[in-house]
Amino acid sequence: MASSATIETATAGFLDAVLYEGEESRGLQGLTRATLLAPLSTAFDLAEGRPAGHAQRVAYIGVALAEELGLSTAEVSETFFACLLHDAGMAALGASHVRNRADDDLMPPTGGWGDVIRALTVHCDQGDRIARRLGFGENVATAVARHHDCWDGSGPSGQNGNGQMPTVARIVAAADRFECIIDSEPSPLVVRKRGPSLVRDMSGSEVDPEVATRLARLAAKDSFWLGFYDRDMTIGLMSMGAGDALSTDGVLELLAAMSDIVDSRNSRELGRGRRVSELAVKVALACGLSERRAELVRAAALLQDIGTLAVPASVLSKPDILTLDEMMQMQKHPAIARNIVGEIPGMGAVAWWVGCHHERVDGKGYPGMLEGDSVPIEAQVIGIAEAYEALTNNRPYRRALARDDAAEVLRGLADTRFHATVIRRLEEVVSTLA
């Protein structure tokens, strides 16, 4: 069942009864890799400049195709996760490897099309590593690594095609290509009519002939298209790959791996997000939050910047002062993160804190300009942990501050950026750190 957490307003009063009630007692229980990755895959789409839901639509096609081919339950599950993760590698790449998709049909890049092939190779290799880091096995990782390969042997991996390409990889490659074709057609009615022939056109070159035949058969069915255009696709996908519930540690490790992807994309030292989450938990407990609630704060701290994947890499890495337009792009990231996280069942409060972690108690924050007690204490805890981590680590424009100097800077933000009490609790916590 979908969470009631998709937030349509920036007013805190809307939230209290709807999003906070009962979530502390539930904690992070009952979540599976599917219920986490189906919503979070939207961040991979945004990182590549694709419409939100691309990965989910590829997963829908891939699962339908795997079932049509009579694959085992385990292989269908592998197909599902490989489809969700096929573009995860793009989310970890910085500006030097990312090309604006709007330019794909225009002039070649400065370095020629070879640069595009190299970028695809790097993105596939990164995706392979991310899939393994998330705990998936060889079939999923290989499918992610080879989803840009063609049946005829061409592709960035340089490996042979035909029978040498694993079954799951063939399905993911076909599903990705078909979703791109659908996306390029302005009318669903046109693509419904032309879908089977468009698939057959790829047979024997880009796509395995048997896979193409089965996919064309699927594309001729009304039931396939009704599911493809279902507005509740996310809910259906979460149930498709449900699997066993993860332990709390398993959930947090998956979220930490997502945080690592964000660190890589933002050219930050790997582990920054993990450090912020560790500090946020300590400050949350010092503020009197229960252990279960502090656990949710840890999850929110790990996901706080997932919305930055939607910000162009060139903006994230820009060494100069941002333009007004670029600043506006940056300031959208909490709301984007809030909407992504809000699709995870039971994560409504977490989504709200993520969305508020740049709010200020003086009302001058973003994106909602909340004020005073309207800024959740959990969001302030996350924000101050992030600020302390930033102050005490080297940046291109300044050296890291000593603990006492960082504390003095934060004291200067009392009752403007943060409540004074939250600042005092941070000081208490960091005074005990080695």
Protein backbone atom coordinates (compact mmCIF):
# COMPACT_ATOMS: atom_id res chain seq x y z
CA MET A 1 0.00 0.00 0.00
CA ALA A 2 1.32 3.42 -0.83
CA SER A 3 2.31 5.83 1.91
CA SER A 4 0.10 8.82 2.62
CA ALA A 5 3.28 10.85 2.49
CA THR A 6 3.19 12.63 -0.83
CA ILE A 7 3.19 16.21 0.37
CA GLU A 8 1.26 18.79 -1.60
CA THR A 9 1.81 21.77 0.67
CA ALA A 10 4.60 23.51 2.51
CA THR A 11 2.59 24.20 5.67
CA ALA A 12 3.55 22.22 8.76
CA GLY A 13 -0.01 22.22 10.11
CA PHE A 14 -1.04 19.86 7.33
CA LEU A 15 1.36 17.23 8.57
CA ASP A 16 1.02 16.58 12.26
CA ALA A 17 -1.86 14.11 12.33
CA VAL A 18 -1.28 12.59 8.90
CA LEU A 19 2.43 11.93 8.72
CA TYR A 20 3.70 11.66 12.26
CA GLU A 21 1.06 9.50 13.88
CA GLY A 22 2.22 5.93 14.44
CA GLU A 23 5.44 6.20 12.43
CA GLU A 24 7.76 6.26 15.43
CA SER A 25 6.43 2.92 16.67
CA ARG A 26 6.79 1.38 13.21
CA GLY A 27 10.30 2.69 12.63
CA LEU A 28 11.91 1.15 9.56
CA GLN A 29 10.18 -2.19 9.90
CA GLY A 30 8.60 -4.07 7.01
CA LEU A 31 10.53 -2.42 4.17
CA THR A 32 11.91 -4.50 1.32
CA ARG A 33 14.45 -3.66 -1.33
CA ALA A 34 11.55 -3.26 -3.76
CA THR A 35 9.61 -0.81 -1.58
CA LEU A 36 12.79 1.25 -1.22
CA LEU A 37 14.28 1.08 -4.71
CA ALA A 38 11.10 1.47 -6.77
CA PRO A 39 10.56 5.02 -5.45
CA LEU A 40 14.28 5.87 -5.13
CA SER A 41 14.91 4.88 -8.76
CA THR A 42 13.24 8.16 -9.72
CA ALA A 43 16.43 9.88 -8.57
CA PHE A 44 18.41 7.94 -11.19
CA ASP A 45 16.04 9.20 -13.90
CA LEU A 46 16.41 12.80 -12.79
CA ALA A 47 20.21 12.50 -12.66
CA GLU A 48 20.24 11.60 -16.35
CA GLY A 49 17.73 14.25 -17.30
CA ARG A 50 15.02 11.72 -18.11
CA PRO A 51 11.35 12.07 -17.18
CA ALA A 52 10.63 10.76 -13.69
CA GLY A 53 9.46 7.14 -13.79
CA HIS A 54 11.70 5.94 -16.64
CA ALA A 55 13.31 3.23 -14.50
CA GLN A 56 9.93 2.11 -13.18
CA ARG A 57 8.50 1.88 -16.70
CA VAL A 58 11.54 -0.13 -17.84
CA ALA A 59 10.98 -2.44 -14.85
CA TYR A 60 7.33 -2.89 -15.80
CA ILE A 61 8.29 -3.84 -19.35
CA GLY A 62 11.15 -6.05 -18.16
CA VAL A 63 9.05 -8.02 -15.70
CA ALA A 64 6.24 -8.50 -18.23
CA LEU A 65 8.80 -9.71 -20.78
CA ALA A 66 10.54 -12.04 -18.31
CA GLU A 67 7.21 -13.62 -17.44
CA GLU A 68 6.29 -13.91 -21.13
CA LEU A 69 9.57 -15.76 -21.69
CA GLY A 70 8.78 -18.17 -18.85
CA LEU A 71 11.72 -17.23 -16.65
CA SER A 72 11.94 -18.53 -13.10
CA THR A 73 10.73 -16.48 -10.14
CA ALA A 74 14.35 -15.72 -9.22
CA GLU A 75 15.15 -14.52 -12.77
CA VAL A 76 12.02 -12.34 -12.86
CA SER A 77 13.15 -10.74 -9.59
CA GLU A 78 16.66 -10.20 -10.98
CA THR A 79 15.16 -8.60 -14.08
CA PHE A 80 13.04 -6.30 -11.93
CA PHE A 81 15.98 -4.98 -9.91
CA ALA A 82 18.34 -4.76 -12.89
CA CYS A 83 15.75 -2.62 -14.70
CA LEU A 84 15.34 -0.30 -11.71
CA LEU A 85 19.12 0.08 -11.40
CA HIS A 86 20.12 0.14 -15.06
CA ASP A 87 20.90 3.88 -15.00
CA ALA A 88 22.15 4.07 -11.41
CA GLY A 89 25.68 4.58 -12.66
CA MET A 90 24.73 7.87 -14.31
CA ALA A 91 23.66 9.22 -10.91
CA ALA A 92 27.20 8.78 -9.59
CA LEU A 93 28.93 10.64 -12.42
CA GLY A 94 30.10 14.24 -12.20
CA ALA A 95 29.87 17.00 -14.78
CA SER A 96 32.79 15.74 -16.88
CA HIS A 97 30.83 12.63 -17.89
CA VAL A 98 27.26 13.94 -18.06
CA ARG A 99 25.83 15.20 -21.33
CA ASN A 100 22.54 17.03 -21.67
CA ARG A 101 20.05 14.60 -23.21
CA ALA A 102 18.48 17.49 -25.12
CA ASP A 103 21.65 17.61 -27.21
CA ASP A 104 21.57 13.92 -28.20
CA ASP A 105 20.31 14.54 -31.74
CA LEU A 106 22.35 17.67 -32.36
CA MET A 107 26.05 18.16 -33.08
CA PRO A 108 28.53 15.69 -31.59
CA PRO A 109 30.32 16.78 -28.41
CA THR A 110 33.68 18.53 -28.57
CA GLY A 111 35.58 15.28 -28.21
CA GLY A 112 33.47 13.51 -30.83
CA TRP A 113 31.07 10.60 -30.36
CA GLY A 114 33.92 8.67 -28.78
CA ASP A 115 33.33 10.76 -25.66
CA VAL A 116 29.73 9.57 -25.57
CA ILE A 117 30.82 5.93 -25.83
CA ARG A 118 33.36 6.44 -23.05
CA ALA A 119 30.71 8.07 -20.87
CA LEU A 120 28.37 5.14 -21.49
CA THR A 121 31.14 2.71 -20.57
CA VAL A 122 31.92 4.55 -17.34
CA HIS A 123 28.24 4.79 -16.44
CA CYS A 124 27.74 1.05 -17.01
CA ASP A 125 30.82 0.17 -14.97
CA GLN A 126 29.63 2.44 -12.16
CA GLY A 127 26.20 0.84 -12.30
CA ASP A 128 27.76 -2.62 -11.99
CA ARG A 129 29.58 -1.53 -8.82
CA ILE A 130 26.51 0.16 -7.36
CA ALA A 131 24.38 -2.96 -7.90
CA ARG A 132 26.95 -5.06 -6.05
CA ARG A 133 27.23 -2.46 -3.27
CA LEU A 134 23.45 -2.67 -2.84
CA GLY A 135 23.78 -6.41 -2.27
CA PHE A 136 22.74 -7.81 -5.65
CA GLY A 137 24.42 -10.76 -7.31
CA GLU A 138 26.19 -11.41 -10.59
CA ASN A 139 23.12 -11.58 -12.84
CA VAL A 140 21.79 -8.18 -11.76
CA ALA A 141 25.21 -6.50 -11.83
CA THR A 142 26.05 -7.93 -15.26
CA ALA A 143 22.69 -6.88 -16.69
CA VAL A 144 23.25 -3.33 -15.46
CA ALA A 145 26.77 -3.35 -16.89
CA ARG A 146 25.64 -4.56 -20.33
CA HIS A 147 22.26 -2.89 -20.83
CA HIS A 148 23.69 -0.67 -23.61
CA ASP A 149 25.10 -3.66 -25.52
CA CYS A 150 23.38 -4.84 -28.69
CA TRP A 151 22.52 -8.34 -29.82
CA ASP A 152 24.80 -8.00 -32.85
CA GLY A 153 27.85 -7.52 -30.62
CA SER A 154 28.15 -3.74 -30.75
CA GLY A 155 28.05 -1.73 -27.56
CA PRO A 156 30.25 -0.05 -24.96
CA SER A 157 31.25 -3.22 -23.10
CA GLY A 158 33.19 -4.57 -26.09
CA GLN A 159 31.90 -8.08 -25.35
CA ASN A 160 30.39 -10.49 -27.84
CA GLY A 161 26.67 -10.37 -28.55
CA ASN A 162 24.33 -13.16 -29.60
CA GLY A 163 24.32 -16.08 -27.17
CA GLN A 164 27.12 -14.59 -25.09
CA MET A 165 24.80 -11.96 -23.59
CA PRO A 166 23.05 -13.21 -20.42
CA THR A 167 19.27 -13.56 -20.56
CA VAL A 168 18.50 -10.93 -17.94
CA ALA A 169 20.82 -8.47 -19.68
CA ARG A 170 19.04 -9.08 -23.01
CA ILE A 171 15.69 -8.34 -21.40
CA VAL A 172 16.89 -5.15 -19.68
CA ALA A 173 18.46 -3.92 -22.93
CA ALA A 174 15.23 -4.54 -24.84
CA ALA A 175 13.02 -2.99 -22.16
CA ASP A 176 15.18 0.13 -21.95
CA ARG A 177 15.19 0.62 -25.72
CA PHE A 178 11.45 0.07 -26.00
CA GLU A 179 10.68 2.55 -23.19
CA CYS A 180 12.82 5.15 -24.96
CA ILE A 181 10.86 4.59 -28.17
CA ILE A 182 7.57 4.97 -26.30
CA ASP A 183 8.80 8.15 -24.63
CA SER A 184 9.76 9.66 -27.98
CA GLU A 185 6.26 9.20 -29.40
CA PRO A 186 3.92 12.12 -28.63
CA SER A 187 0.71 10.09 -28.68
CA PRO A 188 -0.01 6.89 -26.68
CA LEU A 189 -2.45 5.86 -29.40
CA VAL A 190 0.24 6.07 -32.06
CA VAL A 191 2.75 4.07 -30.04
CA ARG A 192 0.04 1.51 -29.19
CA LYS A 193 -0.56 1.01 -32.89
CA ARG A 194 3.09 1.04 -33.99
CA GLY A 195 4.61 -0.67 -30.94
CA PRO A 196 4.85 -4.23 -32.33
CA SER A 197 6.45 -3.12 -35.61
CA LEU A 198 8.89 -0.82 -33.79
CA VAL A 199 10.08 -3.74 -31.71
CA ARG A 200 10.44 -5.99 -34.73
CA ASP A 201 12.60 -3.33 -36.39
CA MET A 202 15.21 -3.84 -33.64
CA SER A 203 15.23 -7.62 -33.94
CA GLY A 204 18.57 -9.19 -34.84
CA SER A 205 20.55 -5.98 -34.49
CA GLU A 206 19.86 -4.21 -31.21
CA VAL A 207 17.65 -6.87 -29.64
CA ASP A 208 17.70 -10.67 -29.37
CA PRO A 209 15.25 -11.96 -32.02
CA GLU A 210 13.40 -14.21 -29.55
CA VAL A 211 13.08 -11.37 -27.03
CA ALA A 212 11.88 -9.06 -29.79
CA THR A 213 9.23 -11.57 -30.88
CA ARG A 214 7.89 -11.92 -27.33
CA LEU A 215 8.00 -8.17 -26.72
CA ALA A 216 6.11 -7.50 -29.97
CA ARG A 217 3.48 -9.99 -28.81
CA LEU A 218 3.17 -8.13 -25.50
CA ALA A 219 2.96 -4.78 -27.27
CA ALA A 220 -0.10 -6.02 -29.17
CA LYS A 221 -2.07 -6.58 -25.95
CA ASP A 222 -4.36 -3.95 -24.45
CA SER A 223 -3.65 -5.32 -20.97
CA PHE A 224 0.05 -4.48 -21.37
CA TRP A 225 -0.70 -0.85 -22.26
CA LEU A 226 -3.29 -0.45 -19.50
CA GLY A 227 -0.62 -1.47 -16.99
CA PHE A 228 2.02 0.70 -18.61
CA TYR A 229 -0.11 3.83 -18.33
CA ASP A 230 -1.47 3.00 -14.87
CA ARG A 231 -0.97 6.02 -12.60
CA ASP A 232 -0.41 3.66 -9.65
CA MET A 233 2.45 1.81 -11.32
CA THR A 234 4.78 2.47 -8.37
CA ILE A 235 2.47 0.60 -6.01
CA GLY A 236 2.27 -2.35 -8.38
CA LEU A 237 6.02 -2.49 -8.81
CA MET A 238 6.60 -2.52 -5.06
CA SER A 239 4.46 -5.64 -4.80
CA MET A 240 6.09 -7.28 -7.84
CA GLY A 241 9.51 -7.50 -6.25
CA ALA A 242 8.42 -7.54 -2.64
CA GLY A 243 10.66 -10.32 -1.30
CA ASP A 244 11.58 -10.59 2.36
CA ALA A 245 11.55 -7.56 4.64
CA LEU A 246 14.99 -6.13 5.39
CA SER A 247 16.30 -5.75 8.89
CA THR A 248 16.64 -2.18 10.18
CA ASP A 249 20.39 -2.45 9.61
CA GLY A 250 19.71 -3.69 6.07
CA VAL A 251 17.45 -0.72 5.33
CA LEU A 252 20.00 1.75 6.69
CA GLU A 253 22.86 0.16 4.73
CA LEU A 254 20.88 0.43 1.49
CA LEU A 255 20.13 4.09 2.26
CA ALA A 256 23.79 4.65 3.10
CA ALA A 257 24.75 3.23 -0.31
CA MET A 258 22.35 5.72 -1.88
CA SER A 259 24.04 8.46 0.15
CA ASP A 260 27.40 7.34 -1.26
CA ILE A 261 26.02 7.80 -4.78
CA VAL A 262 25.01 11.36 -3.91
CA ASP A 263 28.46 12.07 -2.45
CA SER A 264 30.08 10.81 -5.65
CA ARG A 265 27.80 12.87 -7.90
CA ASN A 266 28.42 16.00 -5.79
CA SER A 267 32.21 15.50 -5.86
CA ARG A 268 32.30 15.14 -2.08
CA GLU A 269 34.49 12.90 0.00
CA LEU A 270 32.93 9.45 0.09
CA GLY A 271 31.24 8.86 3.43
CA ARG A 272 30.14 12.44 4.04
CA GLY A 273 26.46 11.46 4.17
CA ARG A 274 27.22 8.61 6.56
CA ARG A 275 29.10 10.97 8.89
CA VAL A 276 26.24 13.46 8.89
CA SER A 277 23.78 10.69 9.75
CA GLU A 278 25.93 9.42 12.63
CA LEU A 279 26.17 12.89 14.13
CA ALA A 280 22.46 13.56 13.56
CA VAL A 281 21.51 10.46 15.56
CA LYS A 282 23.65 11.56 18.51
CA VAL A 283 22.18 15.06 18.47
CA ALA A 284 18.64 13.69 18.12
CA LEU A 285 19.10 11.56 21.23
CA ALA A 286 20.63 14.51 23.09
CA CYS A 287 17.51 16.52 22.18
CA GLY A 288 15.36 13.91 23.92
CA LEU A 289 14.07 12.00 20.90
CA SER A 290 13.47 8.29 21.40
CA GLU A 291 15.84 5.72 19.92
CA ARG A 292 13.21 4.70 17.37
CA ARG A 293 12.70 8.30 16.28
CA ALA A 294 16.45 8.88 16.14
CA GLU A 295 16.58 5.86 13.81
CA LEU A 296 14.20 7.67 11.47
CA VAL A 297 16.37 10.78 11.72
CA ARG A 298 19.33 8.66 10.59
CA ALA A 299 17.35 7.54 7.53
CA ALA A 300 16.38 11.13 6.75
CA ALA A 301 19.98 12.33 7.11
CA LEU A 302 21.14 9.68 4.64
CA LEU A 303 18.51 10.77 2.10
CA GLN A 304 18.59 14.53 2.70
CA ASP A 305 20.46 15.40 -0.52
CA ILE A 306 19.04 12.80 -2.88
CA GLY A 307 17.18 15.65 -4.58
CA THR A 308 20.51 17.12 -5.72
CA LEU A 309 20.65 14.33 -8.31
CA ALA A 310 18.06 16.37 -10.21
CA VAL A 311 20.37 19.40 -10.27
CA PRO A 312 22.63 19.55 -13.35
CA ALA A 313 26.10 18.26 -12.52
CA SER A 314 27.59 21.41 -14.04
CA VAL A 315 25.78 23.48 -11.40
CA LEU A 316 26.84 21.22 -8.56
CA SER A 317 30.49 21.44 -9.56
CA LYS A 318 30.55 25.12 -10.53
CA PRO A 319 33.48 26.85 -8.79
CA ASP A 320 32.02 30.35 -9.22
CA ILE A 321 29.04 32.09 -7.65
CA LEU A 322 25.77 30.62 -8.92
CA THR A 323 23.47 32.68 -11.11
CA LEU A 324 19.94 33.35 -9.89
CA ASP A 325 18.58 30.59 -12.13
CA GLU A 326 21.20 28.14 -10.87
CA MET A 327 20.45 29.06 -7.28
CA MET A 328 16.76 28.42 -7.89
CA GLN A 329 17.62 25.00 -9.30
CA MET A 330 19.62 24.20 -6.17
CA GLN A 331 16.85 25.37 -3.87
CA LYS A 332 14.42 22.89 -5.41
CA HIS A 333 16.37 19.88 -4.18
CA PRO A 334 14.71 19.52 -0.73
CA ALA A 335 11.22 19.46 -2.28
CA ILE A 336 12.35 16.96 -4.94
CA ALA A 337 13.85 14.74 -2.24
CA ARG A 338 10.69 15.06 -0.16
CA ASN A 339 8.52 13.86 -3.04
CA ILE A 340 10.79 10.91 -3.83
CA VAL A 341 11.10 9.73 -0.23
CA GLY A 342 7.39 10.31 0.34
CA GLU A 343 6.60 7.44 -2.04
CA ILE A 344 8.21 4.94 0.36
CA PRO A 345 5.58 3.34 2.61
CA GLY A 346 5.83 4.55 6.19
CA MET A 347 8.37 7.26 5.37
CA GLY A 348 6.02 10.25 5.52
CA ALA A 349 7.70 11.94 8.47
CA VAL A 350 11.14 11.18 7.07
CA ALA A 351 10.11 12.80 3.79
CA TRP A 352 8.93 15.91 5.61
CA TRP A 353 12.16 16.30 7.58
CA VAL A 354 14.19 15.84 4.38
CA GLY A 355 12.09 18.52 2.73
CA CYS A 356 12.62 20.92 5.64
CA HIS A 357 16.34 20.52 6.33
CA HIS A 358 17.14 23.91 4.72
CA GLU A 359 14.35 25.76 6.52
CA ARG A 360 15.34 28.38 9.14
CA VAL A 361 13.58 29.29 12.36
CA ASP A 362 13.67 32.96 11.31
CA GLY A 363 11.56 32.14 8.25
CA LYS A 364 14.28 32.85 5.69
CA GLY A 365 14.92 29.27 4.63
CA TYR A 366 13.68 27.24 1.69
CA PRO A 367 11.65 25.84 0.03
CA GLY A 368 8.69 26.72 2.29
CA MET A 369 9.98 29.66 4.37
CA LEU A 370 8.67 27.96 7.51
CA GLU A 371 9.22 29.80 10.77
CA GLY A 372 9.82 29.02 14.44
CA ASP A 373 8.27 25.80 15.69
CA SER A 374 6.92 25.06 12.21
CA VAL A 375 10.43 23.84 11.39
CA PRO A 376 10.54 20.27 12.77
CA ILE A 377 13.18 19.64 15.41
CA GLU A 378 14.28 16.60 13.40
CA ALA A 379 14.95 18.76 10.35
CA GLN A 380 16.99 21.17 12.46
CA VAL A 381 19.02 18.27 13.83
CA ILE A 382 19.81 17.09 10.30
CA GLY A 383 20.63 20.62 9.18
CA ILE A 384 22.97 21.34 12.07
CA ALA A 385 24.76 18.01 11.65
CA GLU A 386 25.30 18.85 7.98
CA ALA A 387 26.50 22.37 8.85
CA TYR A 388 28.97 21.10 11.47
CA GLU A 389 30.35 18.50 9.08
CA ALA A 390 30.82 21.16 6.41
CA LEU A 391 32.58 23.55 8.80
CA THR A 392 34.99 20.93 10.16
CA ASN A 393 36.10 19.56 6.79
CA ASN A 394 38.24 21.14 4.08
CA ARG A 395 36.52 22.97 1.25
CA PRO A 396 38.08 24.35 -1.98
CA TYR A 397 37.68 27.90 -0.65
CA ARG A 398 38.80 27.38 2.98
CA ARG A 399 40.50 25.01 5.39
CA ALA A 400 38.58 22.97 7.94
CA LEU A 401 37.73 24.76 11.18
CA ALA A 402 38.69 23.43 14.59
CA ARG A 403 35.85 22.10 16.76
CA ASP A 404 35.69 25.21 18.97
CA ASP A 405 35.77 27.57 15.99
CA ALA A 406 32.97 25.63 14.29
CA ALA A 407 30.91 25.77 17.48
CA GLU A 408 31.43 29.53 17.67
CA VAL A 409 30.17 29.94 14.09
CA LEU A 410 27.07 27.90 14.89
CA ARG A 411 26.38 29.88 18.08
CA GLY A 412 26.18 32.92 15.86
CA LEU A 413 23.21 31.26 14.11
CA ALA A 414 21.17 30.84 17.31
CA ASP A 415 17.48 31.59 16.80
CA THR A 416 18.07 32.53 13.15
CA ARG A 417 19.11 29.33 11.39
CA PHE A 418 18.63 26.97 14.36
CA HIS A 419 16.97 27.06 17.75
CA ALA A 420 19.57 27.86 20.41
CA THR A 421 18.69 24.61 22.24
CA VAL A 422 19.62 22.51 19.21
CA ILE A 423 22.97 24.29 18.99
CA ARG A 424 23.66 23.59 22.67
CA ARG A 425 22.85 19.92 22.22
CA LEU A 426 25.25 19.72 19.27
CA GLU A 427 27.99 21.29 21.38
CA GLU A 428 27.36 18.74 24.14
CA VAL A 429 27.63 15.90 21.66
CA VAL A 430 30.79 17.05 19.85
CA SER A 431 32.52 17.75 23.18
CA THR A 432 32.41 13.99 23.83
CA LEU A 433 33.80 13.01 20.43
CA ALA A 434 37.42 11.93 20.11
